[in-house]
Amino acid sequence: MLITALRLAKMHLFSIFIDRFSTINSPAQVSLNSATGERITWLEENKVEEGHPLHAYMDSWTAPEFGDITTKDGATLKYRIYTPESAKQNPKQKHPVIVYLYGGPHAQVVTNSWAGNRGLLFQHWVDQGYVVFTLDNRGSNYRGKGFEDPIYKKMGFIEVEDQVAGVEFLRTLPFVDAERIGVHGHSYGGYMTLMTMFKAGDYFAAGVSGAPVTDWRLYDTHYTERYMGNPNTDDDAYTASSVFPYAKDLKGDLLIYHGMADDNVLFTHSTMLYKHLQDLAIPFETMDYPGKKHSIRGKQTGIHLYKTVTNFFNRNLKD
């Protein structure tokens, strides 16, 4: 944003601009700047100093590392990893892992920008001894059309393969316990959690799926048909990209949560899967939120949700 604003300013299209800047370790700061790039004033300095809500926690703050992995077919994937201090001190001590993912179009999760409440949750998990890992698989945004193309009429395939490649990388790290790797995501990330648990159960011991798409026939046509085609002519592709053909292969522990008033990914997505898993006599856990929509907003509800997710992983991934 800053570079673009400076270029436009030099073209004399305007004399001032507003810049919003953050990193994964620094919350957003907003400033008013002249066309030359000189800061005129802070609109929101948001400096983490005494009195700031984050200041008391900075001594235990864990800065993540960023890197690349290369898949077997030559694709370069970006990752971010938070490593607990105990793993740095004793790399041979095995730690559980939580893989947080999204994996779908229009989103890029591995960014060096402030991650909001979810980023604070990552810090809490790291404090509890978890390695926290995120990988942007093919199909994700801002890597070009060629990076997105593999999901066309094949959602839930290359994304799973890339996430498995991420776990194979994790398994090479001496402080990672390969038997205690969990996965969590919301929306498309909820769909990805189900697909990884159902299709790659040897890699993921536990999963928390939030507001998941379970069958693309039930989702918004404007979005879905762009990537999956017309369900009347591509019915087989829709079936293959739904979670139902693979649910029978669930091996690990699974929690599904959903807002019952969700008007984006309808609650029907989850209730259909509840019934399907029950018919297969496969046990699983649920947490549903009455009156809540897709983002499951509300301070107390958010606290409840984060505690529910964390407690689930503690039960199933901790020694």
Protein backbone atom coordinates (compact mmCIF):
# COMPACT_ATOMS: atom_id res chain seq x y z
CA MET A 1 0.00 0.00 0.00
CA LEU A 2 2.76 2.47 0.94
CA ILE A 3 4.70 1.95 -2.32
CA THR A 4 1.58 2.35 -4.44
CA ALA A 5 0.56 5.50 -2.55
CA LEU A 6 4.00 7.04 -3.03
CA ARG A 7 3.93 6.33 -6.77
CA LEU A 8 0.51 7.92 -7.13
CA ALA A 9 1.59 10.88 -5.04
CA LYS A 10 4.58 11.48 -7.30
CA MET A 11 2.17 11.57 -10.22
CA HIS A 12 0.49 14.49 -8.38
CA LEU A 13 -2.85 12.71 -8.09
CA PHE A 14 -3.02 13.69 -4.41
CA SER A 15 -0.94 15.38 -1.75
CA ILE A 16 -1.54 13.15 1.28
CA PHE A 17 -2.30 9.50 1.92
CA ILE A 18 -3.17 7.18 4.81
CA ASP A 19 -0.93 4.18 5.46
CA ARG A 20 -1.90 1.12 7.49
CA PHE A 21 1.00 -1.13 8.45
CA SER A 22 1.42 -4.25 10.57
CA THR A 23 3.58 -7.36 10.88
CA ILE A 24 2.86 -10.76 12.37
CA ASN A 25 4.45 -9.46 15.59
CA SER A 26 3.15 -5.87 15.57
CA PRO A 27 -0.51 -4.78 15.57
CA ALA A 28 -1.65 -2.34 12.92
CA GLN A 29 -0.50 1.28 12.99
CA VAL A 30 -2.27 3.95 10.94
CA SER A 31 -0.61 7.20 9.89
CA LEU A 32 -1.30 10.25 7.75
CA ASN A 33 1.56 10.98 5.34
CA SER A 34 2.55 13.65 2.84
CA ALA A 35 3.05 12.91 -0.84
CA THR A 36 6.80 12.70 -0.22
CA GLY A 37 6.32 9.85 2.25
CA GLU A 38 6.94 11.95 5.37
CA ARG A 39 4.62 11.10 8.25
CA ILE A 40 2.42 14.04 9.22
CA THR A 41 0.77 12.44 12.23
CA TRP A 42 -0.33 9.16 13.71
CA LEU A 43 -4.00 8.37 13.40
CA GLU A 44 -3.47 5.25 15.51
CA GLU A 45 0.08 4.72 16.69
CA ASN A 46 -0.86 1.57 18.61
CA LYS A 47 2.64 1.25 20.02
CA VAL A 48 3.16 -1.76 22.27
CA GLU A 49 4.47 -0.05 25.38
CA GLU A 50 3.50 0.14 29.04
CA GLY A 51 -0.27 0.49 29.22
CA HIS A 52 -0.89 -1.33 25.94
CA PRO A 53 -2.93 -4.57 26.42
CA LEU A 54 -0.16 -6.64 24.81
CA HIS A 55 2.74 -5.17 26.75
CA ALA A 56 2.47 -7.54 29.71
CA TYR A 57 2.72 -10.56 27.41
CA MET A 58 5.66 -9.56 25.24
CA ASP A 59 8.24 -11.36 27.39
CA SER A 60 6.67 -14.67 26.33
CA TRP A 61 5.88 -13.63 22.76
CA THR A 62 6.96 -16.16 20.12
CA ALA A 63 7.94 -14.76 16.73
CA PRO A 64 7.20 -17.25 13.95
CA GLU A 65 9.56 -18.25 11.17
CA PHE A 66 8.68 -18.28 7.47
CA GLY A 67 9.97 -20.65 4.83
CA ASP A 68 9.34 -22.66 1.66
CA ILE A 69 8.92 -26.34 0.91
CA THR A 70 8.98 -27.99 -2.49
CA THR A 71 6.46 -30.69 -3.36
CA LYS A 72 7.33 -33.90 -5.20
CA ASP A 73 6.01 -32.39 -8.43
CA GLY A 74 8.06 -29.22 -8.03
CA ALA A 75 5.60 -26.69 -6.59
CA THR A 76 6.91 -24.14 -4.07
CA LEU A 77 4.67 -23.71 -1.02
CA LYS A 78 4.98 -21.03 1.67
CA TYR A 79 4.74 -21.88 5.36
CA ARG A 80 4.82 -20.21 8.78
CA ILE A 81 5.82 -22.02 11.96
CA TYR A 82 5.72 -21.11 15.65
CA THR A 83 8.16 -23.12 17.74
CA PRO A 84 7.81 -23.34 21.55
CA GLU A 85 10.74 -22.18 23.63
CA SER A 86 11.07 -25.68 25.11
CA ALA A 87 11.69 -27.09 21.61
CA LYS A 88 14.40 -24.50 20.99
CA GLN A 89 16.10 -25.40 24.26
CA ASN A 90 15.80 -29.15 23.73
CA PRO A 91 15.22 -30.03 20.06
CA LYS A 92 14.98 -33.75 20.90
CA GLN A 93 11.92 -33.26 23.10
CA LYS A 94 8.82 -34.20 21.08
CA HIS A 95 5.96 -31.72 20.82
CA PRO A 96 2.41 -31.95 19.48
CA VAL A 97 1.48 -29.85 16.45
CA ILE A 98 -1.62 -27.90 15.45
CA VAL A 99 -1.84 -27.27 11.71
CA TYR A 100 -4.04 -24.24 11.05
CA LEU A 101 -5.24 -24.00 7.45
CA TYR A 102 -7.69 -22.40 5.06
CA GLY A 103 -6.65 -23.65 1.64
CA GLY A 104 -9.28 -22.19 -0.66
CA PRO A 105 -9.59 -19.42 -3.24
CA HIS A 106 -9.51 -15.71 -2.35
CA ALA A 107 -7.34 -16.20 0.74
CA GLN A 108 -3.66 -16.28 1.68
CA VAL A 109 -2.96 -17.28 5.27
CA VAL A 110 0.85 -17.25 5.37
CA THR A 111 1.41 -13.50 5.54
CA ASN A 112 3.65 -11.26 7.61
CA SER A 113 0.69 -9.24 8.90
CA TRP A 114 -1.17 -8.97 12.19
CA ALA A 115 -3.40 -12.05 12.66
CA GLY A 116 -5.86 -10.59 15.16
CA ASN A 117 -7.52 -12.78 17.77
CA ARG A 118 -6.54 -15.94 15.95
CA GLY A 119 -2.90 -14.90 16.10
CA LEU A 120 -3.26 -14.44 19.86
CA LEU A 121 -4.75 -17.93 20.06
CA PHE A 122 -1.64 -19.24 18.27
CA GLN A 123 0.50 -17.60 20.95
CA HIS A 124 -1.57 -19.32 23.64
CA TRP A 125 -1.09 -22.69 21.97
CA VAL A 126 2.66 -22.15 21.67
CA ASP A 127 2.77 -21.23 25.37
CA GLN A 128 1.11 -24.60 26.06
CA GLY A 129 3.84 -26.43 24.17
CA TYR A 130 2.31 -26.81 20.72
CA VAL A 131 4.13 -26.27 17.47
CA VAL A 132 1.74 -24.20 15.31
CA PHE A 133 2.11 -24.59 11.55
CA THR A 134 0.36 -23.05 8.54
CA LEU A 135 0.87 -23.80 4.84
CA ASP A 136 -0.72 -22.11 1.81
CA ASN A 137 -1.53 -24.95 -0.57
CA ARG A 138 -2.25 -24.67 -4.28
CA GLY A 139 -5.60 -23.00 -4.83
CA SER A 140 -4.69 -20.15 -2.46
CA ASN A 141 -4.63 -16.51 -3.50
CA TYR A 142 -1.90 -14.10 -4.72
CA ARG A 143 0.33 -16.72 -6.34
CA GLY A 144 -1.05 -16.41 -9.87
CA LYS A 145 -3.58 -18.28 -11.94
CA GLY A 146 -1.31 -21.27 -12.45
CA PHE A 147 -1.14 -21.78 -8.68
CA GLU A 148 -4.94 -21.75 -8.46
CA ASP A 149 -5.76 -23.81 -11.56
CA PRO A 150 -5.28 -27.32 -10.03
CA ILE A 151 -8.47 -27.02 -7.97
CA TYR A 152 -10.69 -26.46 -11.04
CA LYS A 153 -13.43 -29.12 -10.85
CA LYS A 154 -11.25 -30.94 -8.30
CA MET A 155 -11.65 -29.21 -4.96
CA GLY A 156 -10.33 -31.25 -2.07
CA PHE A 157 -7.59 -33.06 -4.02
CA ILE A 158 -4.37 -31.09 -4.60
CA GLU A 159 -5.03 -29.09 -1.43
CA VAL A 160 -4.91 -32.28 0.65
CA GLU A 161 -1.77 -33.48 -1.13
CA ASP A 162 -0.03 -30.17 -0.38
CA GLN A 163 -1.04 -30.23 3.28
CA VAL A 164 0.32 -33.77 3.52
CA ALA A 165 3.58 -32.44 2.05
CA GLY A 166 3.57 -29.92 4.88
CA VAL A 167 3.21 -32.70 7.46
CA GLU A 168 5.99 -34.67 5.81
CA PHE A 169 8.19 -31.60 6.28
CA LEU A 170 7.10 -31.37 9.94
CA ARG A 171 8.07 -35.00 10.44
CA THR A 172 11.67 -34.12 9.54
CA LEU A 173 11.90 -31.73 12.50
CA PRO A 174 13.43 -33.42 15.57
CA PHE A 175 11.07 -31.70 18.03
CA VAL A 176 7.83 -32.78 16.26
CA ASP A 177 5.86 -35.80 17.43
CA ALA A 178 4.56 -37.35 14.20
CA GLU A 179 1.85 -39.22 16.11
CA ARG A 180 0.37 -36.05 17.65
CA ILE A 181 -0.45 -33.73 14.76
CA GLY A 182 -3.84 -32.02 14.70
CA VAL A 183 -5.56 -29.87 12.07
CA HIS A 184 -7.98 -26.98 12.37
CA GLY A 185 -9.71 -24.58 10.01
CA HIS A 186 -12.92 -22.61 9.52
CA SER A 187 -15.17 -22.33 6.44
CA TYR A 188 -13.06 -23.63 3.52
CA GLY A 189 -10.60 -24.47 6.28
CA GLY A 190 -13.36 -26.51 7.93
CA TYR A 191 -13.89 -28.34 4.64
CA MET A 192 -10.13 -28.89 4.41
CA THR A 193 -10.04 -30.22 7.97
CA LEU A 194 -12.63 -32.84 7.04
CA MET A 195 -10.90 -33.75 3.79
CA THR A 196 -7.50 -34.15 5.46
CA MET A 197 -8.99 -36.18 8.30
CA PHE A 198 -10.97 -38.39 5.92
CA LYS A 199 -8.41 -38.75 3.10
CA ALA A 200 -5.10 -38.50 5.01
CA GLY A 201 -5.90 -40.03 8.37
CA ASP A 202 -2.39 -41.45 8.78
CA TYR A 203 -1.06 -37.90 9.01
CA PHE A 204 -3.60 -36.21 11.32
CA ALA A 205 -4.54 -37.61 14.72
CA ALA A 206 -7.24 -35.03 15.57
CA GLY A 207 -9.16 -32.30 13.79
CA VAL A 208 -11.48 -29.38 14.55
CA SER A 209 -13.69 -28.44 11.61
CA GLY A 210 -15.43 -25.06 11.81
CA ALA A 211 -18.52 -24.21 9.72
CA PRO A 212 -17.45 -26.62 6.96
CA VAL A 213 -18.72 -26.98 3.43
CA THR A 214 -19.56 -30.67 3.10
CA ASP A 215 -21.21 -30.73 -0.35
CA TRP A 216 -20.63 -27.97 -2.92
CA ARG A 217 -24.15 -28.43 -4.28
CA LEU A 218 -25.33 -26.67 -1.12
CA TYR A 219 -23.06 -23.64 -1.45
CA ASP A 220 -23.38 -20.29 -3.23
CA THR A 221 -23.65 -20.85 -6.98
CA HIS A 222 -21.71 -17.70 -7.98
CA TYR A 223 -18.66 -18.91 -6.04
CA THR A 224 -18.97 -22.65 -6.56
CA GLU A 225 -19.66 -22.80 -10.29
CA ARG A 226 -16.62 -20.62 -10.96
CA TYR A 227 -14.44 -23.46 -9.65
CA MET A 228 -16.59 -26.59 -9.96
CA GLY A 229 -18.60 -26.00 -13.13
CA ASN A 230 -22.32 -26.62 -13.59
CA PRO A 231 -23.67 -29.32 -11.24
CA ASN A 232 -26.04 -30.47 -13.98
CA THR A 233 -23.14 -31.34 -16.29
CA ASP A 234 -20.35 -31.95 -13.73
CA ASP A 235 -22.23 -34.06 -11.20
CA ASP A 236 -19.40 -36.58 -10.80
CA ALA A 237 -16.95 -33.76 -9.97
CA TYR A 238 -19.31 -32.44 -7.31
CA THR A 239 -19.64 -35.87 -5.75
CA ALA A 240 -15.88 -36.42 -5.77
CA SER A 241 -15.30 -33.02 -4.12
CA SER A 242 -17.84 -33.56 -1.36
CA VAL A 243 -16.69 -35.04 1.95
CA PHE A 244 -19.21 -37.90 2.00
CA PRO A 245 -17.38 -40.50 -0.14
CA TYR A 246 -14.41 -40.34 2.26
CA ALA A 247 -16.07 -40.05 5.69
CA LYS A 248 -15.97 -43.81 6.22
CA ASP A 249 -12.17 -43.61 6.44
CA LEU A 250 -12.05 -41.33 9.49
CA LYS A 251 -9.44 -42.62 11.94
CA GLY A 252 -8.71 -39.81 14.39
CA ASP A 253 -10.75 -37.71 16.77
CA LEU A 254 -13.03 -35.12 15.17
CA LEU A 255 -14.88 -32.06 16.50
CA ILE A 256 -17.28 -30.12 14.25
CA TYR A 257 -18.71 -26.73 15.26
CA HIS A 258 -21.18 -24.54 13.39
CA GLY A 259 -23.34 -21.47 13.87
CA MET A 260 -26.96 -22.55 13.62
CA ALA A 261 -27.98 -19.28 11.89
CA ASP A 262 -25.12 -19.41 9.38
CA ASP A 263 -26.35 -17.81 6.14
CA ASN A 264 -23.08 -18.40 4.26
CA VAL A 265 -22.27 -22.06 4.84
CA LEU A 266 -25.69 -23.25 5.89
CA PHE A 267 -26.04 -25.34 9.04
CA THR A 268 -27.40 -28.07 6.75
CA HIS A 269 -23.83 -28.81 5.66
CA SER A 270 -22.96 -30.04 9.15
CA THR A 271 -26.26 -31.72 9.99
CA MET A 272 -26.01 -33.82 6.83
CA LEU A 273 -22.55 -34.93 7.92
CA TYR A 274 -23.77 -35.60 11.48
CA LYS A 275 -26.39 -37.97 10.06
CA HIS A 276 -23.92 -39.59 7.69
CA LEU A 277 -21.35 -40.30 10.41
CA GLN A 278 -24.09 -41.58 12.73
CA ASP A 279 -25.30 -43.94 10.00
CA LEU A 280 -21.73 -45.20 9.74
CA ALA A 281 -21.61 -45.59 13.56
CA ILE A 282 -18.48 -43.41 13.65
CA PRO A 283 -18.19 -41.36 16.85
CA PHE A 284 -17.41 -37.63 16.70
CA GLU A 285 -17.97 -34.48 18.74
CA THR A 286 -20.04 -31.37 17.97
CA MET A 287 -20.49 -27.84 19.31
CA ASP A 288 -23.28 -25.80 17.75
CA TYR A 289 -23.94 -22.11 18.39
CA PRO A 290 -27.63 -21.06 18.41
CA GLY A 291 -28.31 -17.74 16.70
CA LYS A 292 -24.73 -17.39 15.44
CA LYS A 293 -23.82 -16.81 11.80
CA HIS A 294 -20.73 -17.81 9.86
CA SER A 295 -18.16 -15.79 11.81
CA ILE A 296 -19.63 -16.83 15.18
CA ARG A 297 -19.24 -13.31 16.59
CA GLY A 298 -19.49 -12.14 20.19
CA LYS A 299 -16.86 -11.77 22.89
CA GLN A 300 -18.16 -14.46 25.22
CA THR A 301 -18.99 -16.78 22.34
CA GLY A 302 -15.48 -16.30 20.94
CA ILE A 303 -13.94 -17.15 24.30
CA HIS A 304 -16.14 -20.23 24.52
CA LEU A 305 -15.17 -21.32 21.01
CA TYR A 306 -11.44 -20.88 21.57
CA LYS A 307 -11.64 -22.77 24.87
CA THR A 308 -13.62 -25.55 23.19
CA VAL A 309 -11.08 -25.94 20.39
CA THR A 310 -8.11 -25.80 22.79
CA ASN A 311 -9.63 -28.26 25.27
CA PHE A 312 -10.32 -30.70 22.43
CA PHE A 313 -6.70 -30.63 21.29
CA ASN A 314 -5.47 -30.89 24.87
CA ARG A 315 -7.55 -34.05 25.38
CA ASN A 316 -6.45 -35.68 22.16
CA LEU A 317 -2.90 -34.48 21.47
CA LYS A 318 -1.30 -33.91 24.86
CA ASP A 319 0.50 -36.82 26.57
